[in-house]
Amino acid sequence: MTSKTRKDKAPALSLKDAFEVEFARREMERRKRDEAERKQQEEDLARAEQLFEALRADPQFLHTRDLTVDRRRYTVSLDHRDFRIQAYFEAGTASVTAADKRTATTSTAAPRKQQTVESVEEALAVMAQFLVDESR
């Protein structure tokens, strides 16, 4: 048997076979992306919950400052009648903003300050800085 004969007997790759291989490859990539996104969302949610617990750990402090704490999925808010400080967790970082409710024309005041941080501890520190700024 010559090498030419062996090539002739090798099964030929069809369009259907090539399609199925490519389809399976793309499906595997999509699943990997979906899993990575799901994992990131779980981490962001856990970080928001951790910040929420840290903020509400001292109810007496919140009461004396007339503050309320709220969490909606990835967003943790520290509210006062005059301002709102919040942290939004997404893609492994948190955007911390401060907004003045006194000059707002709608119920959602536009942020006056914004800072991006990498950890719950940094988010807590920036929220404290913004709170000190608002307390003057």
N, C-alpha and C. Protein backbone atom coordinates (compact mmCIF):
# COMPACT_ATOMS: atom_id res chain seq x y z
N MET A 1 0.85 -1.17 0.00
CA MET A 1 0.00 0.00 0.00
C MET A 1 0.90 1.24 0.00
N THR A 2 0.68 2.15 -0.92
CA THR A 2 1.49 3.36 -1.03
C THR A 2 0.87 4.47 -0.21
N SER A 3 1.62 5.53 -0.04
CA SER A 3 1.09 6.66 0.73
C SER A 3 -0.07 7.32 0.01
N LYS A 4 -0.09 7.27 -1.30
CA LYS A 4 -1.20 7.84 -2.07
C LYS A 4 -2.48 7.06 -1.77
N THR A 5 -2.39 5.75 -1.64
CA THR A 5 -3.55 4.93 -1.35
C THR A 5 -4.10 5.25 0.03
N ARG A 6 -3.22 5.47 1.00
CA ARG A 6 -3.68 5.79 2.36
C ARG A 6 -4.43 7.12 2.36
N LYS A 7 -3.94 8.10 1.63
CA LYS A 7 -4.62 9.40 1.57
C LYS A 7 -5.99 9.26 0.95
N ASP A 8 -6.07 8.42 -0.06
CA ASP A 8 -7.35 8.23 -0.73
C ASP A 8 -8.38 7.60 0.20
N LYS A 9 -7.95 6.79 1.13
CA LYS A 9 -8.88 6.09 2.01
C LYS A 9 -9.19 6.90 3.28
N ALA A 10 -8.46 7.99 3.56
CA ALA A 10 -8.74 8.81 4.73
C ALA A 10 -10.08 9.49 4.54
N PRO A 11 -10.89 9.51 5.59
CA PRO A 11 -12.20 10.16 5.46
C PRO A 11 -12.03 11.65 5.20
N ALA A 12 -12.76 12.18 4.29
CA ALA A 12 -12.70 13.59 3.94
C ALA A 12 -13.52 14.40 4.95
N LEU A 13 -13.05 15.58 5.28
CA LEU A 13 -13.76 16.48 6.17
C LEU A 13 -14.85 17.17 5.35
N SER A 14 -16.05 17.09 5.85
CA SER A 14 -17.17 17.69 5.11
C SER A 14 -17.49 19.07 5.68
N LEU A 15 -18.30 19.81 4.98
CA LEU A 15 -18.76 21.11 5.45
C LEU A 15 -19.52 20.94 6.76
N LYS A 16 -20.33 19.90 6.82
CA LYS A 16 -21.09 19.63 8.05
C LYS A 16 -20.14 19.39 9.22
N ASP A 17 -19.10 18.59 9.01
CA ASP A 17 -18.13 18.32 10.08
C ASP A 17 -17.44 19.61 10.52
N ALA A 18 -16.99 20.40 9.56
CA ALA A 18 -16.32 21.66 9.87
C ALA A 18 -17.26 22.60 10.61
N PHE A 19 -18.52 22.65 10.20
CA PHE A 19 -19.52 23.48 10.87
C PHE A 19 -19.70 23.05 12.31
N GLU A 20 -19.85 21.76 12.54
CA GLU A 20 -20.07 21.25 13.89
C GLU A 20 -18.88 21.51 14.79
N VAL A 21 -17.67 21.38 14.26
CA VAL A 21 -16.47 21.67 15.04
C VAL A 21 -16.45 23.15 15.42
N GLU A 22 -16.70 24.03 14.46
CA GLU A 22 -16.70 25.47 14.73
C GLU A 22 -17.82 25.86 15.69
N PHE A 23 -18.99 25.27 15.48
CA PHE A 23 -20.13 25.56 16.35
C PHE A 23 -19.80 25.15 17.79
N ALA A 24 -19.24 23.98 17.98
CA ALA A 24 -18.88 23.49 19.31
C ALA A 24 -17.81 24.39 19.94
N ARG A 25 -16.84 24.83 19.15
CA ARG A 25 -15.80 25.71 19.67
C ARG A 25 -16.39 27.03 20.17
N ARG A 26 -17.27 27.60 19.38
CA ARG A 26 -17.90 28.87 19.77
C ARG A 26 -18.80 28.70 20.99
N GLU A 27 -19.50 27.59 21.06
CA GLU A 27 -20.37 27.31 22.20
C GLU A 27 -19.54 27.20 23.48
N MET A 28 -18.40 26.54 23.39
CA MET A 28 -17.51 26.40 24.54
C MET A 28 -16.98 27.77 24.97
N GLU A 29 -16.62 28.62 24.03
CA GLU A 29 -16.16 29.98 24.35
C GLU A 29 -17.27 30.79 25.01
N ARG A 30 -18.49 30.67 24.49
CA ARG A 30 -19.63 31.39 25.06
C ARG A 30 -19.87 30.95 26.50
N ARG A 31 -19.81 29.65 26.73
CA ARG A 31 -20.01 29.14 28.10
C ARG A 31 -18.94 29.65 29.04
N LYS A 32 -17.69 29.71 28.56
CA LYS A 32 -16.61 30.24 29.39
C LYS A 32 -16.85 31.71 29.72
N ARG A 33 -17.28 32.50 28.73
CA ARG A 33 -17.58 33.92 28.98
C ARG A 33 -18.73 34.06 29.96
N ASP A 34 -19.79 33.27 29.76
CA ASP A 34 -20.94 33.33 30.66
C ASP A 34 -20.55 32.97 32.09
N GLU A 35 -19.73 31.95 32.23
CA GLU A 35 -19.29 31.53 33.56
C GLU A 35 -18.43 32.61 34.21
N ALA A 36 -17.54 33.22 33.45
CA ALA A 36 -16.70 34.29 33.98
C ALA A 36 -17.56 35.50 34.40
N GLU A 37 -18.56 35.82 33.60
CA GLU A 37 -19.45 36.93 33.93
C GLU A 37 -20.26 36.62 35.19
N ARG A 38 -20.78 35.40 35.28
CA ARG A 38 -21.55 34.99 36.46
C ARG A 38 -20.69 35.07 37.71
N LYS A 39 -19.46 34.59 37.61
CA LYS A 39 -18.54 34.63 38.75
C LYS A 39 -18.26 36.07 39.16
N GLN A 40 -18.04 36.96 38.18
CA GLN A 40 -17.77 38.37 38.48
C GLN A 40 -18.98 39.01 39.15
N GLN A 41 -20.17 38.71 38.68
CA GLN A 41 -21.38 39.26 39.29
C GLN A 41 -21.53 38.78 40.73
N GLU A 42 -21.22 37.51 40.98
CA GLU A 42 -21.28 36.99 42.35
C GLU A 42 -20.29 37.73 43.25
N GLU A 43 -19.09 37.98 42.74
CA GLU A 43 -18.08 38.71 43.51
C GLU A 43 -18.53 40.14 43.77
N ASP A 44 -19.09 40.81 42.75
CA ASP A 44 -19.57 42.18 42.92
C ASP A 44 -20.70 42.23 43.95
N LEU A 45 -21.61 41.27 43.89
CA LEU A 45 -22.71 41.22 44.84
C LEU A 45 -22.20 40.98 46.26
N ALA A 46 -21.24 40.08 46.41
CA ALA A 46 -20.66 39.81 47.73
C ALA A 46 -19.98 41.05 48.29
N ARG A 47 -19.31 41.80 47.44
CA ARG A 47 -18.65 43.02 47.89
C ARG A 47 -19.67 44.08 48.31
N ALA A 48 -20.76 44.19 47.56
CA ALA A 48 -21.82 45.13 47.94
C ALA A 48 -22.42 44.73 49.29
N GLU A 49 -22.65 43.45 49.48
CA GLU A 49 -23.19 42.97 50.77
C GLU A 49 -22.23 43.25 51.91
N GLN A 50 -20.93 43.07 51.65
CA GLN A 50 -19.92 43.33 52.67
C GLN A 50 -19.90 44.80 53.05
N LEU A 51 -19.97 45.69 52.07
CA LEU A 51 -20.00 47.12 52.36
C LEU A 51 -21.27 47.49 53.11
N PHE A 52 -22.39 46.94 52.70
CA PHE A 52 -23.67 47.20 53.36
C PHE A 52 -23.59 46.84 54.84
N GLU A 53 -23.05 45.67 55.13
CA GLU A 53 -22.92 45.23 56.53
C GLU A 53 -21.99 46.15 57.31
N ALA A 54 -20.91 46.59 56.69
CA ALA A 54 -19.97 47.49 57.38
C ALA A 54 -20.64 48.83 57.69
N LEU A 55 -21.43 49.35 56.76
CA LEU A 55 -22.09 50.64 56.97
C LEU A 55 -23.16 50.58 58.05
N ARG A 56 -23.88 49.48 58.10
CA ARG A 56 -24.97 49.42 59.08
C ARG A 56 -24.54 48.80 60.42
N ALA A 57 -23.26 48.56 60.58
CA ALA A 57 -22.75 47.94 61.80
C ALA A 57 -22.91 48.82 63.04
N ASP A 58 -23.01 50.13 62.86
CA ASP A 58 -23.14 51.04 64.00
C ASP A 58 -24.41 51.87 63.86
N PRO A 59 -25.56 51.31 64.25
CA PRO A 59 -26.83 52.03 64.08
C PRO A 59 -26.89 53.34 64.86
N GLN A 60 -26.20 53.40 65.99
CA GLN A 60 -26.20 54.63 66.78
C GLN A 60 -25.54 55.78 66.01
N PHE A 61 -24.41 55.49 65.36
CA PHE A 61 -23.73 56.50 64.56
C PHE A 61 -24.64 56.97 63.42
N LEU A 62 -25.28 56.03 62.76
CA LEU A 62 -26.19 56.38 61.66
C LEU A 62 -27.32 57.27 62.16
N HIS A 63 -27.89 56.92 63.32
CA HIS A 63 -29.00 57.69 63.88
C HIS A 63 -28.56 59.11 64.24
N THR A 64 -27.40 59.25 64.89
CA THR A 64 -26.96 60.59 65.29
C THR A 64 -26.64 61.47 64.08
N ARG A 65 -26.29 60.88 62.96
CA ARG A 65 -25.99 61.62 61.74
C ARG A 65 -27.20 61.71 60.81
N ASP A 66 -28.34 61.15 61.25
CA ASP A 66 -29.58 61.15 60.46
C ASP A 66 -29.36 60.48 59.09
N LEU A 67 -28.71 59.32 59.12
CA LEU A 67 -28.38 58.58 57.90
C LEU A 67 -29.15 57.26 57.85
N THR A 68 -29.48 56.86 56.63
CA THR A 68 -30.04 55.53 56.41
C THR A 68 -29.16 54.82 55.38
N VAL A 69 -29.13 53.50 55.50
CA VAL A 69 -28.33 52.67 54.60
C VAL A 69 -29.28 51.77 53.84
N ASP A 70 -29.01 51.64 52.54
CA ASP A 70 -29.85 50.80 51.69
C ASP A 70 -28.95 50.07 50.70
N ARG A 71 -29.38 48.87 50.31
CA ARG A 71 -28.65 48.14 49.28
C ARG A 71 -29.65 47.63 48.27
N ARG A 72 -29.35 47.88 47.02
CA ARG A 72 -30.14 47.36 45.91
C ARG A 72 -29.18 46.68 44.96
N ARG A 73 -29.15 45.38 45.05
CA ARG A 73 -28.27 44.52 44.24
C ARG A 73 -26.81 44.95 44.37
N TYR A 74 -26.24 45.65 43.41
CA TYR A 74 -24.83 46.02 43.42
C TYR A 74 -24.57 47.42 43.97
N THR A 75 -25.61 48.13 44.37
CA THR A 75 -25.49 49.52 44.83
C THR A 75 -25.79 49.61 46.32
N VAL A 76 -24.89 50.28 47.03
CA VAL A 76 -25.07 50.53 48.46
C VAL A 76 -25.16 52.04 48.64
N SER A 77 -26.23 52.50 49.29
CA SER A 77 -26.46 53.94 49.45
C SER A 77 -26.46 54.34 50.92
N LEU A 78 -25.88 55.49 51.14
CA LEU A 78 -25.91 56.13 52.44
C LEU A 78 -26.69 57.43 52.22
N ASP A 79 -27.91 57.49 52.77
CA ASP A 79 -28.80 58.62 52.48
C ASP A 79 -28.99 59.53 53.68
N HIS A 80 -29.07 60.80 53.36
CA HIS A 80 -29.39 61.87 54.29
C HIS A 80 -30.42 62.74 53.57
N ARG A 81 -31.14 63.53 54.28
CA ARG A 81 -32.15 64.36 53.60
C ARG A 81 -31.52 65.34 52.62
N ASP A 82 -30.23 65.71 52.85
CA ASP A 82 -29.56 66.70 52.00
C ASP A 82 -28.62 66.11 50.95
N PHE A 83 -28.21 64.86 51.11
CA PHE A 83 -27.24 64.27 50.19
C PHE A 83 -27.37 62.75 50.14
N ARG A 84 -26.73 62.19 49.13
CA ARG A 84 -26.66 60.73 48.98
C ARG A 84 -25.23 60.37 48.59
N ILE A 85 -24.69 59.38 49.28
CA ILE A 85 -23.38 58.83 48.95
C ILE A 85 -23.62 57.36 48.62
N GLN A 86 -23.13 56.94 47.46
CA GLN A 86 -23.37 55.54 47.11
C GLN A 86 -22.18 54.92 46.41
N ALA A 87 -22.14 53.60 46.49
CA ALA A 87 -21.09 52.82 45.82
C ALA A 87 -21.78 51.79 44.94
N TYR A 88 -21.33 51.73 43.70
CA TYR A 88 -21.86 50.76 42.74
C TYR A 88 -20.74 49.83 42.32
N PHE A 89 -20.93 48.54 42.57
CA PHE A 89 -19.90 47.54 42.25
C PHE A 89 -20.18 46.92 40.89
N GLU A 90 -19.14 46.93 40.05
CA GLU A 90 -19.26 46.34 38.72
C GLU A 90 -17.88 45.99 38.19
N ALA A 91 -17.76 44.79 37.68
CA ALA A 91 -16.53 44.33 37.02
C ALA A 91 -15.30 44.45 37.92
N GLY A 92 -15.48 44.19 39.20
CA GLY A 92 -14.36 44.16 40.12
C GLY A 92 -13.94 45.49 40.71
N THR A 93 -14.61 46.57 40.34
CA THR A 93 -14.32 47.88 40.92
C THR A 93 -15.61 48.48 41.47
N ALA A 94 -15.46 49.56 42.20
CA ALA A 94 -16.63 50.27 42.73
C ALA A 94 -16.52 51.74 42.36
N SER A 95 -17.62 52.29 41.93
CA SER A 95 -17.71 53.72 41.67
C SER A 95 -18.44 54.34 42.85
N VAL A 96 -17.75 55.21 43.58
CA VAL A 96 -18.34 55.88 44.74
C VAL A 96 -18.68 57.30 44.33
N THR A 97 -19.93 57.69 44.58
CA THR A 97 -20.38 59.03 44.20
C THR A 97 -21.05 59.73 45.37
N ALA A 98 -21.04 61.05 45.32
CA ALA A 98 -21.75 61.88 46.29
C ALA A 98 -22.61 62.85 45.50
N ALA A 99 -23.86 62.98 45.92
CA ALA A 99 -24.80 63.88 45.24
C ALA A 99 -25.50 64.76 46.27
N ASP A 100 -25.76 65.99 45.88
CA ASP A 100 -26.44 66.96 46.74
C ASP A 100 -27.93 66.95 46.39
N LYS A 101 -28.76 66.58 47.34
CA LYS A 101 -30.21 66.54 47.10
C LYS A 101 -30.84 67.92 47.20
N ARG A 102 -30.17 68.86 47.85
CA ARG A 102 -30.76 70.19 48.07
C ARG A 102 -30.96 70.95 46.77
N THR A 103 -30.06 70.76 45.83
CA THR A 103 -30.14 71.51 44.57
C THR A 103 -30.69 70.66 43.43
N ALA A 104 -31.09 69.45 43.71
CA ALA A 104 -31.57 68.55 42.67
C ALA A 104 -32.97 68.93 42.23
N THR A 105 -33.21 68.83 40.93
CA THR A 105 -34.55 69.10 40.40
C THR A 105 -35.36 67.83 40.26
N THR A 106 -34.70 66.68 40.34
CA THR A 106 -35.39 65.38 40.29
C THR A 106 -35.02 64.58 41.53
N SER A 107 -35.68 63.46 41.71
CA SER A 107 -35.40 62.63 42.89
C SER A 107 -34.03 61.96 42.83
N THR A 108 -33.44 61.90 41.65
CA THR A 108 -32.10 61.31 41.51
C THR A 108 -31.12 62.43 41.22
N ALA A 109 -30.48 62.91 42.26
CA ALA A 109 -29.54 64.01 42.13
C ALA A 109 -28.31 63.57 41.35
N ALA A 110 -27.81 64.47 40.52
CA ALA A 110 -26.59 64.19 39.74
C ALA A 110 -25.38 64.19 40.67
N PRO A 111 -24.46 63.26 40.47
CA PRO A 111 -23.27 63.21 41.34
C PRO A 111 -22.41 64.46 41.20
N ARG A 112 -21.92 64.95 42.33
CA ARG A 112 -20.98 66.07 42.34
C ARG A 112 -19.56 65.58 42.42
N LYS A 113 -19.39 64.41 43.05
CA LYS A 113 -18.07 63.82 43.21
C LYS A 113 -18.15 62.36 42.80
N GLN A 114 -17.04 61.86 42.26
CA GLN A 114 -16.98 60.46 41.87
C GLN A 114 -15.56 59.97 41.99
N GLN A 115 -15.41 58.76 42.52
CA GLN A 115 -14.09 58.15 42.61
C GLN A 115 -14.24 56.65 42.40
N THR A 116 -13.32 56.06 41.65
CA THR A 116 -13.33 54.62 41.41
C THR A 116 -12.31 53.97 42.33
N VAL A 117 -12.73 52.88 42.98
CA VAL A 117 -11.87 52.17 43.92
C VAL A 117 -11.85 50.68 43.59
N GLU A 118 -10.90 49.97 44.19
CA GLU A 118 -10.70 48.55 43.89
C GLU A 118 -11.21 47.60 44.98
N SER A 119 -11.48 48.09 46.19
CA SER A 119 -11.84 47.18 47.27
C SER A 119 -12.97 47.75 48.12
N VAL A 120 -13.53 46.89 48.94
CA VAL A 120 -14.57 47.32 49.88
C VAL A 120 -13.99 48.31 50.88
N GLU A 121 -12.78 48.05 51.34
CA GLU A 121 -12.13 48.94 52.30
C GLU A 121 -11.93 50.33 51.71
N GLU A 122 -11.51 50.39 50.44
CA GLU A 122 -11.34 51.69 49.78
C GLU A 122 -12.69 52.37 49.60
N ALA A 123 -13.72 51.63 49.26
CA ALA A 123 -15.06 52.21 49.10
C ALA A 123 -15.53 52.81 50.42
N LEU A 124 -15.31 52.08 51.50
CA LEU A 124 -15.69 52.57 52.83
C LEU A 124 -14.93 53.85 53.18
N ALA A 125 -13.64 53.88 52.89
CA ALA A 125 -12.82 55.07 53.18
C ALA A 125 -13.28 56.28 52.37
N VAL A 126 -13.58 56.08 51.09
CA VAL A 126 -14.03 57.19 50.25
C VAL A 126 -15.41 57.67 50.69
N MET A 127 -16.29 56.73 51.04
CA MET A 127 -17.61 57.14 51.55
C MET A 127 -17.46 57.96 52.82
N ALA A 128 -16.52 57.58 53.69
CA ALA A 128 -16.27 58.34 54.92
C ALA A 128 -15.74 59.73 54.57
N GLN A 129 -14.84 59.83 53.59
CA GLN A 129 -14.33 61.14 53.17
C GLN A 129 -15.46 62.02 52.66
N PHE A 130 -16.32 61.45 51.81
CA PHE A 130 -17.44 62.22 51.28
C PHE A 130 -18.40 62.63 52.40
N LEU A 131 -18.59 61.76 53.38
CA LEU A 131 -19.46 62.09 54.51
C LEU A 131 -18.88 63.24 55.33
N VAL A 132 -17.58 63.21 55.55
CA VAL A 132 -16.94 64.33 56.27
C VAL A 132 -17.11 65.62 55.48
N ASP A 133 -16.92 65.56 54.15
CA ASP A 133 -17.12 66.74 53.30
C ASP A 133 -18.54 67.28 53.46
N GLU A 134 -19.53 66.41 53.51
CA GLU A 134 -20.92 66.84 53.61
C GLU A 134 -21.28 67.33 55.01
N SER A 135 -20.51 66.94 56.00
CA SER A 135 -20.81 67.29 57.39
C SER A 135 -20.29 68.65 57.79
N ARG A 136 -19.59 69.31 56.92
CA ARG A 136 -19.04 70.64 57.27
C ARG A 136 -20.09 71.69 57.27
